[in-house]
Amino acid sequence: MRFRRLARVAPLLALAGLLGAGCARPYAGPKTLAALGAVLLAGGGATWVAGQRGDRDNVAVTGMVGTALGAAAVLAAGGWLAVGVACTEDIDCPRNEECREIPAQPAGYPYRQCMPRQGP
């Protein structure tokens, strides 16, 4: 019986590891948080359903909490990513230009300026 449970959990843990390992630069932090949130969301939902079907309230509540944490993590990752790319898409710059920070003299304030994008 325990072997069956372990056989069911092992692919989920492997999936979580692969999702986390696949998050490379750029924006590795938000991607990793979103991947972990998605795993929590799916795992929590499955646990919630299993608890409801088996009339096990403690398992259902644990799944509900996992689902809520996963959803919160995915939303937080979206916000984090939006903050990270805020200057990439600037409403003040045309589509073919990007917002770049221009360094300032010592004790000065840097400013941002629209410049042509560096294409591949």
Protein backbone atom coordinates (compact mmCIF):
# COMPACT_ATOMS: atom_id res chain seq x y z
CA MET A 1 0.00 0.00 0.00
CA ARG A 2 2.80 2.44 0.87
CA PHE A 3 4.63 1.53 -2.34
CA ARG A 4 1.60 2.60 -4.38
CA ARG A 5 1.45 5.94 -2.62
CA LEU A 6 5.17 6.45 -3.19
CA ALA A 7 4.74 5.49 -6.85
CA ARG A 8 2.05 8.17 -7.20
CA VAL A 9 4.02 10.88 -5.41
CA ALA A 10 7.38 10.28 -7.14
CA PRO A 11 6.28 11.58 -10.57
CA LEU A 12 4.86 14.71 -8.96
CA LEU A 13 8.13 15.38 -7.15
CA ALA A 14 10.07 14.76 -10.36
CA LEU A 15 7.79 17.19 -12.20
CA ALA A 16 8.37 19.83 -9.54
CA GLY A 17 12.12 19.36 -9.84
CA LEU A 18 12.04 19.61 -13.63
CA LEU A 19 9.89 22.72 -13.54
CA GLY A 20 12.21 24.36 -11.05
CA ALA A 21 15.34 23.35 -12.95
CA GLY A 22 13.98 24.66 -16.24
CA CYS A 23 13.72 28.21 -14.96
CA ALA A 24 16.82 29.88 -16.32
CA ARG A 25 17.64 33.51 -16.88
CA PRO A 26 16.13 35.96 -17.61
CA TYR A 27 13.60 36.28 -14.83
CA ALA A 28 14.57 33.04 -13.06
CA GLY A 29 13.00 34.08 -9.75
CA PRO A 30 9.48 34.77 -11.02
CA LYS A 31 9.55 31.70 -13.28
CA THR A 32 10.59 29.43 -10.43
CA LEU A 33 7.94 30.86 -8.12
CA ALA A 34 5.30 30.38 -10.83
CA ALA A 35 6.40 26.77 -11.44
CA LEU A 36 6.27 25.94 -7.75
CA GLY A 37 2.91 27.69 -7.47
CA ALA A 38 1.56 25.63 -10.37
CA VAL A 39 2.73 22.42 -8.71
CA LEU A 40 1.10 23.49 -5.44
CA LEU A 41 -2.06 24.43 -7.28
CA ALA A 42 -2.33 21.09 -9.09
CA GLY A 43 -1.29 19.01 -6.09
CA GLY A 44 -3.56 20.90 -3.73
CA GLY A 45 -6.49 20.52 -6.10
CA ALA A 46 -5.92 16.78 -6.42
CA THR A 47 -5.61 16.43 -2.64
CA TRP A 48 -8.77 18.47 -2.14
CA VAL A 49 -10.73 16.24 -4.53
CA ALA A 50 -9.36 13.07 -2.95
CA GLY A 51 -10.32 14.31 0.50
CA GLN A 52 -13.84 15.22 -0.59
CA ARG A 53 -14.40 11.88 -2.32
CA GLY A 54 -13.14 9.88 0.64
CA ASP A 55 -15.05 11.93 3.23
CA ARG A 56 -11.78 12.90 4.92
CA ASP A 57 -12.19 16.48 6.02
CA ASN A 58 -8.58 16.95 7.18
CA VAL A 59 -7.23 15.90 3.79
CA ALA A 60 -9.74 18.13 1.99
CA VAL A 61 -8.79 21.13 4.12
CA THR A 62 -5.09 20.48 3.50
CA GLY A 63 -5.77 20.37 -0.23
CA MET A 64 -7.79 23.56 -0.04
CA VAL A 65 -4.94 25.35 1.73
CA GLY A 66 -2.43 24.01 -0.82
CA THR A 67 -4.60 25.23 -3.67
CA ALA A 68 -4.93 28.68 -2.11
CA LEU A 69 -1.15 28.89 -1.54
CA GLY A 70 -0.47 27.80 -5.11
CA ALA A 71 -2.85 30.39 -6.53
CA ALA A 72 -1.27 33.09 -4.37
CA ALA A 73 2.22 32.05 -5.51
CA VAL A 74 1.21 32.19 -9.18
CA LEU A 75 -0.34 35.64 -8.73
CA ALA A 76 2.73 36.87 -6.85
CA ALA A 77 4.99 35.55 -9.60
CA GLY A 78 2.94 37.42 -12.19
CA GLY A 79 3.28 40.63 -10.22
CA TRP A 80 7.01 40.08 -9.72
CA LEU A 81 7.49 39.48 -13.44
CA ALA A 82 5.44 42.58 -14.32
CA VAL A 83 7.65 44.70 -12.08
CA GLY A 84 10.76 43.13 -13.62
CA VAL A 85 9.79 44.00 -17.19
CA ALA A 86 8.19 47.36 -16.44
CA CYS A 87 10.78 49.32 -18.39
CA THR A 88 10.85 46.88 -21.32
CA GLU A 89 7.39 47.90 -22.50
CA ASP A 90 7.08 51.61 -21.90
CA ILE A 91 4.01 53.53 -23.03
CA ASP A 92 6.17 56.60 -23.65
CA CYS A 93 8.40 54.81 -26.19
CA PRO A 94 7.38 53.58 -29.64
CA ARG A 95 7.18 49.80 -30.20
CA ASN A 96 10.57 49.64 -31.96
CA GLU A 97 12.35 51.47 -29.13
CA GLU A 98 13.09 50.54 -25.54
CA CYS A 99 13.49 52.49 -22.34
CA ARG A 100 17.10 52.62 -21.13
CA GLU A 101 18.61 54.13 -18.04
CA ILE A 102 21.29 56.71 -18.76
CA PRO A 103 23.98 56.89 -16.06
CA ALA A 104 24.50 60.23 -14.35
CA GLN A 105 27.51 62.08 -13.05
CA PRO A 106 28.51 61.42 -9.44
CA ALA A 107 25.88 62.83 -7.05
CA GLY A 108 23.48 63.19 -10.01
CA TYR A 109 20.25 61.42 -10.82
CA PRO A 110 20.11 58.84 -13.62
CA TYR A 111 17.29 59.24 -16.10
CA ARG A 112 15.56 57.06 -18.69
CA GLN A 113 15.50 57.65 -22.41
CA CYS A 114 13.89 55.91 -25.40
CA MET A 115 16.49 54.32 -27.66
CA PRO A 116 16.29 51.94 -30.67
CA ARG A 117 16.08 48.26 -29.71
CA GLN A 118 19.16 46.12 -30.22
CA GLY A 119 17.85 43.49 -32.65
CA PRO A 120 19.37 40.03 -33.22
